[in-house]
Amino acid sequence: HEVSDPDTVSLLEAARRAPSAGNSQP
C-alpha cells in the first residue's frame, strides 16, 4: 500500500489544525 500525495496533504492539514497542549503551534 502507498499513501497518495492528496491523502498525505489531507492528513497533514488535519494534523495542522489539531489542538495542542498549551496552544504551542505552529
mmCIF file of all heavy atoms, coordinates in Angstrom:
data_MODEL
# 
_entry.id   MODEL 
# 
loop_
_atom_site.group_PDB 
_atom_site.id 
_atom_site.type_symbol 
_atom_site.label_atom_id 
_atom_site.label_alt_id 
_atom_site.label_comp_id 
_atom_site.label_asym_id 
_atom_site.label_entity_id 
_atom_site.label_seq_id 
_atom_site.pdbx_PDB_ins_code 
_atom_site.Cartn_x 
_atom_site.Cartn_y 
_atom_site.Cartn_z 
_atom_site.occupancy 
_atom_site.B_iso_or_equiv 
_atom_site.pdbx_formal_charge 
_atom_site.auth_seq_id 
_atom_site.auth_comp_id 
_atom_site.auth_asym_id 
_atom_site.auth_atom_id 
_atom_site.pdbx_PDB_model_num 
ATOM 1   N N   . HIS A 1 1  ? 0.833  -1.213 0.000  1.00 0.00 ? 1  HIS A N   1 
ATOM 2   C CA  . HIS A 1 1  ? 0.000  0.000  0.000  1.00 0.00 ? 1  HIS A CA  1 
ATOM 3   C C   . HIS A 1 1  ? 0.861  1.254  0.000  1.00 0.00 ? 1  HIS A C   1 
ATOM 4   O O   . HIS A 1 1  ? 1.870  1.327  0.695  1.00 0.00 ? 1  HIS A O   1 
ATOM 5   C CB  . HIS A 1 1  ? -0.926 0.020  1.224  1.00 0.00 ? 1  HIS A CB  1 
ATOM 6   C CG  . HIS A 1 1  ? -1.774 1.254  1.274  1.00 0.00 ? 1  HIS A CG  1 
ATOM 7   N ND1 . HIS A 1 1  ? -2.879 1.409  0.482  1.00 0.00 ? 1  HIS A ND1 1 
ATOM 8   C CD2 . HIS A 1 1  ? -1.651 2.391  1.991  1.00 0.00 ? 1  HIS A CD2 1 
ATOM 9   C CE1 . HIS A 1 1  ? -3.414 2.589  0.721  1.00 0.00 ? 1  HIS A CE1 1 
ATOM 10  N NE2 . HIS A 1 1  ? -2.693 3.204  1.644  1.00 0.00 ? 1  HIS A NE2 1 
ATOM 11  N N   . GLU A 1 2  ? 0.454  2.233  -0.788 1.00 0.00 ? 2  GLU A N   1 
ATOM 12  C CA  . GLU A 1 2  ? 1.133  3.525  -0.832 1.00 0.00 ? 2  GLU A CA  1 
ATOM 13  C C   . GLU A 1 2  ? 0.108  4.613  -0.524 1.00 0.00 ? 2  GLU A C   1 
ATOM 14  O O   . GLU A 1 2  ? -0.976 4.618  -1.093 1.00 0.00 ? 2  GLU A O   1 
ATOM 15  C CB  . GLU A 1 2  ? 1.726  3.777  -2.218 1.00 0.00 ? 2  GLU A CB  1 
ATOM 16  C CG  . GLU A 1 2  ? 2.815  2.806  -2.618 1.00 0.00 ? 2  GLU A CG  1 
ATOM 17  C CD  . GLU A 1 2  ? 4.078  2.944  -1.788 1.00 0.00 ? 2  GLU A CD  1 
ATOM 18  O OE1 . GLU A 1 2  ? 4.362  4.055  -1.299 1.00 0.00 ? 2  GLU A OE1 1 
ATOM 19  O OE2 . GLU A 1 2  ? 4.777  1.937  -1.606 1.00 0.00 ? 2  GLU A OE2 1 
ATOM 20  N N   . VAL A 1 3  ? 0.440  5.522  0.362  1.00 0.00 ? 3  VAL A N   1 
ATOM 21  C CA  . VAL A 1 3  ? -0.421 6.667  0.649  1.00 0.00 ? 3  VAL A CA  1 
ATOM 22  C C   . VAL A 1 3  ? -0.219 7.674  -0.475 1.00 0.00 ? 3  VAL A C   1 
ATOM 23  O O   . VAL A 1 3  ? 0.914  8.047  -0.788 1.00 0.00 ? 3  VAL A O   1 
ATOM 24  C CB  . VAL A 1 3  ? -0.082 7.298  2.013  1.00 0.00 ? 3  VAL A CB  1 
ATOM 25  C CG1 . VAL A 1 3  ? -0.931 8.536  2.267  1.00 0.00 ? 3  VAL A CG1 1 
ATOM 26  C CG2 . VAL A 1 3  ? -0.278 6.286  3.131  1.00 0.00 ? 3  VAL A CG2 1 
ATOM 27  N N   . SER A 1 4  ? -1.324 8.117  -1.083 1.00 0.00 ? 4  SER A N   1 
ATOM 28  C CA  . SER A 1 4  ? -1.240 9.053  -2.209 1.00 0.00 ? 4  SER A CA  1 
ATOM 29  C C   . SER A 1 4  ? -0.822 10.446 -1.732 1.00 0.00 ? 4  SER A C   1 
ATOM 30  O O   . SER A 1 4  ? -0.971 10.791 -0.554 1.00 0.00 ? 4  SER A O   1 
ATOM 31  C CB  . SER A 1 4  ? -2.593 9.135  -2.924 1.00 0.00 ? 4  SER A CB  1 
ATOM 32  O OG  . SER A 1 4  ? -3.531 9.796  -2.086 1.00 0.00 ? 4  SER A OG  1 
ATOM 33  N N   . ASP A 1 5  ? -0.333 11.257 -2.659 1.00 0.00 ? 5  ASP A N   1 
ATOM 34  C CA  . ASP A 1 5  ? 0.022  12.635 -2.320 1.00 0.00 ? 5  ASP A CA  1 
ATOM 35  C C   . ASP A 1 5  ? -1.194 13.418 -1.815 1.00 0.00 ? 5  ASP A C   1 
ATOM 36  O O   . ASP A 1 5  ? -1.083 14.107 -0.798 1.00 0.00 ? 5  ASP A O   1 
ATOM 37  C CB  . ASP A 1 5  ? 0.668  13.336 -3.521 1.00 0.00 ? 5  ASP A CB  1 
ATOM 38  C CG  . ASP A 1 5  ? 2.075  12.841 -3.793 1.00 0.00 ? 5  ASP A CG  1 
ATOM 39  O OD1 . ASP A 1 5  ? 2.702  12.237 -2.896 1.00 0.00 ? 5  ASP A OD1 1 
ATOM 40  O OD2 . ASP A 1 5  ? 2.561  13.062 -4.922 1.00 0.00 ? 5  ASP A OD2 1 
ATOM 41  N N   . PRO A 1 6  ? -2.371 13.325 -2.482 1.00 0.00 ? 6  PRO A N   1 
ATOM 42  C CA  . PRO A 1 6  ? -3.542 14.047 -1.950 1.00 0.00 ? 6  PRO A CA  1 
ATOM 43  C C   . PRO A 1 6  ? -3.934 13.580 -0.547 1.00 0.00 ? 6  PRO A C   1 
ATOM 44  O O   . PRO A 1 6  ? -4.307 14.404 0.297  1.00 0.00 ? 6  PRO A O   1 
ATOM 45  C CB  . PRO A 1 6  ? -4.652 13.744 -2.964 1.00 0.00 ? 6  PRO A CB  1 
ATOM 46  C CG  . PRO A 1 6  ? -3.934 13.425 -4.232 1.00 0.00 ? 6  PRO A CG  1 
ATOM 47  C CD  . PRO A 1 6  ? -2.666 12.731 -3.794 1.00 0.00 ? 6  PRO A CD  1 
ATOM 48  N N   . ASP A 1 7  ? -3.833 12.284 -0.263 1.00 0.00 ? 7  ASP A N   1 
ATOM 49  C CA  . ASP A 1 7  ? -4.147 11.797 1.085  1.00 0.00 ? 7  ASP A CA  1 
ATOM 50  C C   . ASP A 1 7  ? -3.127 12.303 2.098  1.00 0.00 ? 7  ASP A C   1 
ATOM 51  O O   . ASP A 1 7  ? -3.474 12.618 3.236  1.00 0.00 ? 7  ASP A O   1 
ATOM 52  C CB  . ASP A 1 7  ? -4.213 10.268 1.118  1.00 0.00 ? 7  ASP A CB  1 
ATOM 53  C CG  . ASP A 1 7  ? -5.479 9.721  0.492  1.00 0.00 ? 7  ASP A CG  1 
ATOM 54  O OD1 . ASP A 1 7  ? -6.427 10.498 0.248  1.00 0.00 ? 7  ASP A OD1 1 
ATOM 55  O OD2 . ASP A 1 7  ? -5.522 8.500  0.247  1.00 0.00 ? 7  ASP A OD2 1 
ATOM 56  N N   . THR A 1 8  ? -1.870 12.399 1.691  1.00 0.00 ? 8  THR A N   1 
ATOM 57  C CA  . THR A 1 8  ? -0.831 12.926 2.577  1.00 0.00 ? 8  THR A CA  1 
ATOM 58  C C   . THR A 1 8  ? -1.108 14.387 2.915  1.00 0.00 ? 8  THR A C   1 
ATOM 59  O O   . THR A 1 8  ? -1.017 14.802 4.073  1.00 0.00 ? 8  THR A O   1 
ATOM 60  C CB  . THR A 1 8  ? 0.564  12.778 1.937  1.00 0.00 ? 8  THR A CB  1 
ATOM 61  O OG1 . THR A 1 8  ? 0.798  11.398 1.668  1.00 0.00 ? 8  THR A OG1 1 
ATOM 62  C CG2 . THR A 1 8  ? 1.654  13.315 2.839  1.00 0.00 ? 8  THR A CG2 1 
ATOM 63  N N   . VAL A 1 9  ? -1.491 15.167 1.912  1.00 0.00 ? 9  VAL A N   1 
ATOM 64  C CA  . VAL A 1 9  ? -1.809 16.576 2.134  1.00 0.00 ? 9  VAL A CA  1 
ATOM 65  C C   . VAL A 1 9  ? -3.005 16.703 3.090  1.00 0.00 ? 9  VAL A C   1 
ATOM 66  O O   . VAL A 1 9  ? -2.984 17.518 4.018  1.00 0.00 ? 9  VAL A O   1 
ATOM 67  C CB  . VAL A 1 9  ? -2.084 17.300 0.796  1.00 0.00 ? 9  VAL A CB  1 
ATOM 68  C CG1 . VAL A 1 9  ? -2.662 18.689 1.019  1.00 0.00 ? 9  VAL A CG1 1 
ATOM 69  C CG2 . VAL A 1 9  ? -0.808 17.371 -0.031 1.00 0.00 ? 9  VAL A CG2 1 
ATOM 70  N N   . SER A 1 10 ? -4.033 15.873 2.898  1.00 0.00 ? 10 SER A N   1 
ATOM 71  C CA  . SER A 1 10 ? -5.198 15.903 3.788  1.00 0.00 ? 10 SER A CA  1 
ATOM 72  C C   . SER A 1 10 ? -4.812 15.546 5.216  1.00 0.00 ? 10 SER A C   1 
ATOM 73  O O   . SER A 1 10 ? -5.265 16.184 6.178  1.00 0.00 ? 10 SER A O   1 
ATOM 74  C CB  . SER A 1 10 ? -6.274 14.933 3.297  1.00 0.00 ? 10 SER A CB  1 
ATOM 75  O OG  . SER A 1 10 ? -6.822 15.371 2.084  1.00 0.00 ? 10 SER A OG  1 
ATOM 76  N N   . LEU A 1 11 ? -3.985 14.536 5.365  1.00 0.00 ? 11 LEU A N   1 
ATOM 77  C CA  . LEU A 1 11 ? -3.512 14.130 6.689  1.00 0.00 ? 11 LEU A CA  1 
ATOM 78  C C   . LEU A 1 11 ? -2.757 15.260 7.379  1.00 0.00 ? 11 LEU A C   1 
ATOM 79  O O   . LEU A 1 11 ? -2.994 15.571 8.556  1.00 0.00 ? 11 LEU A O   1 
ATOM 80  C CB  . LEU A 1 11 ? -2.613 12.898 6.560  1.00 0.00 ? 11 LEU A CB  1 
ATOM 81  C CG  . LEU A 1 11 ? -1.908 12.447 7.820  1.00 0.00 ? 11 LEU A CG  1 
ATOM 82  C CD1 . LEU A 1 11 ? -2.897 11.800 8.770  1.00 0.00 ? 11 LEU A CD1 1 
ATOM 83  C CD2 . LEU A 1 11 ? -0.801 11.476 7.481  1.00 0.00 ? 11 LEU A CD2 1 
ATOM 84  N N   . LEU A 1 12 ? -1.857 15.902 6.649  1.00 0.00 ? 12 LEU A N   1 
ATOM 85  C CA  . LEU A 1 12 ? -1.080 16.992 7.230  1.00 0.00 ? 12 LEU A CA  1 
ATOM 86  C C   . LEU A 1 12 ? -1.954 18.198 7.561  1.00 0.00 ? 12 LEU A C   1 
ATOM 87  O O   . LEU A 1 12 ? -1.739 18.868 8.579  1.00 0.00 ? 12 LEU A O   1 
ATOM 88  C CB  . LEU A 1 12 ? 0.062  17.397 6.298  1.00 0.00 ? 12 LEU A CB  1 
ATOM 89  C CG  . LEU A 1 12 ? 1.167  16.354 6.163  1.00 0.00 ? 12 LEU A CG  1 
ATOM 90  C CD1 . LEU A 1 12 ? 2.131  16.739 5.053  1.00 0.00 ? 12 LEU A CD1 1 
ATOM 91  C CD2 . LEU A 1 12 ? 1.894  16.159 7.476  1.00 0.00 ? 12 LEU A CD2 1 
ATOM 92  N N   . GLU A 1 13 ? -2.948 18.465 6.740  1.00 0.00 ? 13 GLU A N   1 
ATOM 93  C CA  . GLU A 1 13 ? -3.863 19.572 7.027  1.00 0.00 ? 13 GLU A CA  1 
ATOM 94  C C   . GLU A 1 13 ? -4.667 19.290 8.289  1.00 0.00 ? 13 GLU A C   1 
ATOM 95  O O   . GLU A 1 13 ? -4.845 20.173 9.133  1.00 0.00 ? 13 GLU A O   1 
ATOM 96  C CB  . GLU A 1 13 ? -4.796 19.819 5.837  1.00 0.00 ? 13 GLU A CB  1 
ATOM 97  C CG  . GLU A 1 13 ? -5.721 21.000 6.018  1.00 0.00 ? 13 GLU A CG  1 
ATOM 98  C CD  . GLU A 1 13 ? -5.013 22.342 6.209  1.00 0.00 ? 13 GLU A CD  1 
ATOM 99  O OE1 . GLU A 1 13 ? -3.821 22.476 5.867  1.00 0.00 ? 13 GLU A OE1 1 
ATOM 100 O OE2 . GLU A 1 13 ? -5.668 23.261 6.726  1.00 0.00 ? 13 GLU A OE2 1 
ATOM 101 N N   . ALA A 1 14 ? -5.137 18.055 8.452  1.00 0.00 ? 14 ALA A N   1 
ATOM 102 C CA  . ALA A 1 14 ? -5.864 17.692 9.673  1.00 0.00 ? 14 ALA A CA  1 
ATOM 103 C C   . ALA A 1 14 ? -4.953 17.816 10.883 1.00 0.00 ? 14 ALA A C   1 
ATOM 104 O O   . ALA A 1 14 ? -5.354 18.339 11.933 1.00 0.00 ? 14 ALA A O   1 
ATOM 105 C CB  . ALA A 1 14 ? -6.410 16.276 9.553  1.00 0.00 ? 14 ALA A CB  1 
ATOM 106 N N   . ALA A 1 15 ? -3.709 17.372 10.765 1.00 0.00 ? 15 ALA A N   1 
ATOM 107 C CA  . ALA A 1 15 ? -2.765 17.462 11.876 1.00 0.00 ? 15 ALA A CA  1 
ATOM 108 C C   . ALA A 1 15 ? -2.441 18.919 12.202 1.00 0.00 ? 15 ALA A C   1 
ATOM 109 O O   . ALA A 1 15 ? -2.348 19.296 13.369 1.00 0.00 ? 15 ALA A O   1 
ATOM 110 C CB  . ALA A 1 15 ? -1.485 16.698 11.535 1.00 0.00 ? 15 ALA A CB  1 
ATOM 111 N N   . ARG A 1 16 ? -2.320 19.723 11.182 1.00 0.00 ? 16 ARG A N   1 
ATOM 112 C CA  . ARG A 1 16 ? -2.012 21.145 11.380 1.00 0.00 ? 16 ARG A CA  1 
ATOM 113 C C   . ARG A 1 16 ? -3.118 21.843 12.161 1.00 0.00 ? 16 ARG A C   1 
ATOM 114 O O   . ARG A 1 16 ? -2.869 22.731 12.958 1.00 0.00 ? 16 ARG A O   1 
ATOM 115 C CB  . ARG A 1 16 ? -1.814 21.819 10.021 1.00 0.00 ? 16 ARG A CB  1 
ATOM 116 C CG  . ARG A 1 16 ? -1.404 23.276 10.106 1.00 0.00 ? 16 ARG A CG  1 
ATOM 117 C CD  . ARG A 1 16 ? -1.279 23.888 8.724  1.00 0.00 ? 16 ARG A CD  1 
ATOM 118 N NE  . ARG A 1 16 ? -2.564 24.129 8.106  1.00 0.00 ? 16 ARG A NE  1 
ATOM 119 C CZ  . ARG A 1 16 ? -3.334 25.198 8.341  1.00 0.00 ? 16 ARG A CZ  1 
ATOM 120 N NH1 . ARG A 1 16 ? -2.960 26.098 9.216  1.00 0.00 ? 16 ARG A NH1 1 
ATOM 121 N NH2 . ARG A 1 16 ? -4.481 25.352 7.712  1.00 0.00 ? 16 ARG A NH2 1 
ATOM 122 N N   . ARG A 1 17 ? -4.355 21.419 11.952 1.00 0.00 ? 17 ARG A N   1 
ATOM 123 C CA  . ARG A 1 17 ? -5.496 22.041 12.608 1.00 0.00 ? 17 ARG A CA  1 
ATOM 124 C C   . ARG A 1 17 ? -5.810 21.448 13.979 1.00 0.00 ? 17 ARG A C   1 
ATOM 125 O O   . ARG A 1 17 ? -6.666 21.945 14.691 1.00 0.00 ? 17 ARG A O   1 
ATOM 126 C CB  . ARG A 1 17 ? -6.724 21.929 11.718 1.00 0.00 ? 17 ARG A CB  1 
ATOM 127 C CG  . ARG A 1 17 ? -6.605 22.753 10.458 1.00 0.00 ? 17 ARG A CG  1 
ATOM 128 C CD  . ARG A 1 17 ? -7.771 22.503 9.518  1.00 0.00 ? 17 ARG A CD  1 
ATOM 129 N NE  . ARG A 1 17 ? -7.660 23.309 8.340  1.00 0.00 ? 17 ARG A NE  1 
ATOM 130 C CZ  . ARG A 1 17 ? -8.265 24.481 8.182  1.00 0.00 ? 17 ARG A CZ  1 
ATOM 131 N NH1 . ARG A 1 17 ? -9.007 24.970 9.151  1.00 0.00 ? 17 ARG A NH1 1 
ATOM 132 N NH2 . ARG A 1 17 ? -8.113 25.150 7.070  1.00 0.00 ? 17 ARG A NH2 1 
ATOM 133 N N   . ALA A 1 18 ? -5.120 20.393 14.348 1.00 0.00 ? 18 ALA A N   1 
ATOM 134 C CA  . ALA A 1 18 ? -5.384 19.743 15.635 1.00 0.00 ? 18 ALA A CA  1 
ATOM 135 C C   . ALA A 1 18 ? -4.952 20.653 16.787 1.00 0.00 ? 18 ALA A C   1 
ATOM 136 O O   . ALA A 1 18 ? -3.974 21.382 16.676 1.00 0.00 ? 18 ALA A O   1 
ATOM 137 C CB  . ALA A 1 18 ? -4.631 18.410 15.707 1.00 0.00 ? 18 ALA A CB  1 
ATOM 138 N N   . PRO A 1 19 ? -5.693 20.588 17.879 1.00 0.00 ? 19 PRO A N   1 
ATOM 139 C CA  . PRO A 1 19 ? -5.312 21.399 19.040 1.00 0.00 ? 19 PRO A CA  1 
ATOM 140 C C   . PRO A 1 19 ? -4.025 20.873 19.674 1.00 0.00 ? 19 PRO A C   1 
ATOM 141 O O   . PRO A 1 19 ? -3.658 19.720 19.483 1.00 0.00 ? 19 PRO A O   1 
ATOM 142 C CB  . PRO A 1 19 ? -6.493 21.230 19.993 1.00 0.00 ? 19 PRO A CB  1 
ATOM 143 C CG  . PRO A 1 19 ? -7.113 19.933 19.604 1.00 0.00 ? 19 PRO A CG  1 
ATOM 144 C CD  . PRO A 1 19 ? -6.876 19.775 18.130 1.00 0.00 ? 19 PRO A CD  1 
ATOM 145 N N   . SER A 1 20 ? -3.378 21.733 20.409 1.00 0.00 ? 20 SER A N   1 
ATOM 146 C CA  . SER A 1 20 ? -2.158 21.318 21.097 1.00 0.00 ? 20 SER A CA  1 
ATOM 147 C C   . SER A 1 20 ? -2.243 21.724 22.563 1.00 0.00 ? 20 SER A C   1 
ATOM 148 O O   . SER A 1 20 ? -2.973 22.636 22.928 1.00 0.00 ? 20 SER A O   1 
ATOM 149 C CB  . SER A 1 20 ? -0.934 21.968 20.458 1.00 0.00 ? 20 SER A CB  1 
ATOM 150 O OG  . SER A 1 20 ? -0.975 23.369 20.659 1.00 0.00 ? 20 SER A OG  1 
ATOM 151 N N   . ALA A 1 21 ? -1.478 21.049 23.366 1.00 0.00 ? 21 ALA A N   1 
ATOM 152 C CA  . ALA A 1 21 ? -1.389 21.415 24.777 1.00 0.00 ? 21 ALA A CA  1 
ATOM 153 C C   . ALA A 1 21 ? -0.707 22.772 24.883 1.00 0.00 ? 21 ALA A C   1 
ATOM 154 O O   . ALA A 1 21 ? 0.361  22.986 24.317 1.00 0.00 ? 21 ALA A O   1 
ATOM 155 C CB  . ALA A 1 21 ? -0.608 20.359 25.546 1.00 0.00 ? 21 ALA A CB  1 
ATOM 156 N N   . GLY A 1 22 ? -1.324 23.683 25.552 1.00 0.00 ? 22 GLY A N   1 
ATOM 157 C CA  . GLY A 1 22 ? -0.713 24.991 25.735 1.00 0.00 ? 22 GLY A CA  1 
ATOM 158 C C   . GLY A 1 22 ? -0.672 25.837 24.477 1.00 0.00 ? 22 GLY A C   1 
ATOM 159 O O   . GLY A 1 22 ? 0.079  26.791 24.404 1.00 0.00 ? 22 GLY A O   1 
ATOM 160 N N   . ASN A 1 23 ? -1.451 25.472 23.456 1.00 0.00 ? 23 ASN A N   1 
ATOM 161 C CA  . ASN A 1 23 ? -1.512 26.231 22.200 1.00 0.00 ? 23 ASN A CA  1 
ATOM 162 C C   . ASN A 1 23 ? -0.112 26.488 21.645 1.00 0.00 ? 23 ASN A C   1 
ATOM 163 O O   . ASN A 1 23 ? 0.275  27.606 21.328 1.00 0.00 ? 23 ASN A O   1 
ATOM 164 C CB  . ASN A 1 23 ? -2.261 27.551 22.422 1.00 0.00 ? 23 ASN A CB  1 
ATOM 165 C CG  . ASN A 1 23 ? -2.769 28.123 21.125 1.00 0.00 ? 23 ASN A CG  1 
ATOM 166 O OD1 . ASN A 1 23 ? -3.010 27.388 20.169 1.00 0.00 ? 23 ASN A OD1 1 
ATOM 167 N ND2 . ASN A 1 23 ? -2.950 29.428 21.082 1.00 0.00 ? 23 ASN A ND2 1 
ATOM 168 N N   . SER A 1 24 ? 0.673  25.416 21.535 1.00 0.00 ? 24 SER A N   1 
ATOM 169 C CA  . SER A 1 24 ? 2.084  25.537 21.151 1.00 0.00 ? 24 SER A CA  1 
ATOM 170 C C   . SER A 1 24 ? 2.335  25.475 19.649 1.00 0.00 ? 24 SER A C   1 
ATOM 171 O O   . SER A 1 24 ? 3.417  25.123 19.223 1.00 0.00 ? 24 SER A O   1 
ATOM 172 C CB  . SER A 1 24 ? 2.891  24.433 21.848 1.00 0.00 ? 24 SER A CB  1 
ATOM 173 O OG  . SER A 1 24 ? 2.418  23.162 21.464 1.00 0.00 ? 24 SER A OG  1 
ATOM 174 N N   . GLN A 1 25 ? 1.347  25.829 18.846 1.00 0.00 ? 25 GLN A N   1 
ATOM 175 C CA  . GLN A 1 25 ? 1.574  25.904 17.424 1.00 0.00 ? 25 GLN A CA  1 
ATOM 176 C C   . GLN A 1 25 ? 2.575  27.030 17.138 1.00 0.00 ? 25 GLN A C   1 
ATOM 177 O O   . GLN A 1 25 ? 2.794  27.869 18.006 1.00 0.00 ? 25 GLN A O   1 
ATOM 178 C CB  . GLN A 1 25 ? 0.263  26.194 16.671 1.00 0.00 ? 25 GLN A CB  1 
ATOM 179 C CG  . GLN A 1 25 ? -0.761 25.112 16.764 1.00 0.00 ? 25 GLN A CG  1 
ATOM 180 C CD  . GLN A 1 25 ? -1.693 25.336 17.958 1.00 0.00 ? 25 GLN A CD  1 
ATOM 181 O OE1 . GLN A 1 25 ? -1.398 26.098 18.852 1.00 0.00 ? 25 GLN A OE1 1 
ATOM 182 N NE2 . GLN A 1 25 ? -2.805 24.658 17.976 1.00 0.00 ? 25 GLN A NE2 1 
ATOM 183 N N   . PRO A 1 26 ? 3.206  27.162 15.983 1.00 0.00 ? 26 PRO A N   1 
ATOM 184 C CA  . PRO A 1 26 ? 2.889  26.382 14.789 1.00 0.00 ? 26 PRO A CA  1 
ATOM 185 C C   . PRO A 1 26 ? 3.514  24.984 14.832 1.00 0.00 ? 26 PRO A C   1 
ATOM 186 O O   . PRO A 1 26 ? 4.559  24.769 15.434 1.00 0.00 ? 26 PRO A O   1 
ATOM 187 C CB  . PRO A 1 26 ? 3.501  27.188 13.651 1.00 0.00 ? 26 PRO A CB  1 
ATOM 188 C CG  . PRO A 1 26 ? 4.662  27.875 14.277 1.00 0.00 ? 26 PRO A CG  1 
ATOM 189 C CD  . PRO A 1 26 ? 4.250  28.152 15.717 1.00 0.00 ? 26 PRO A CD  1 
# 
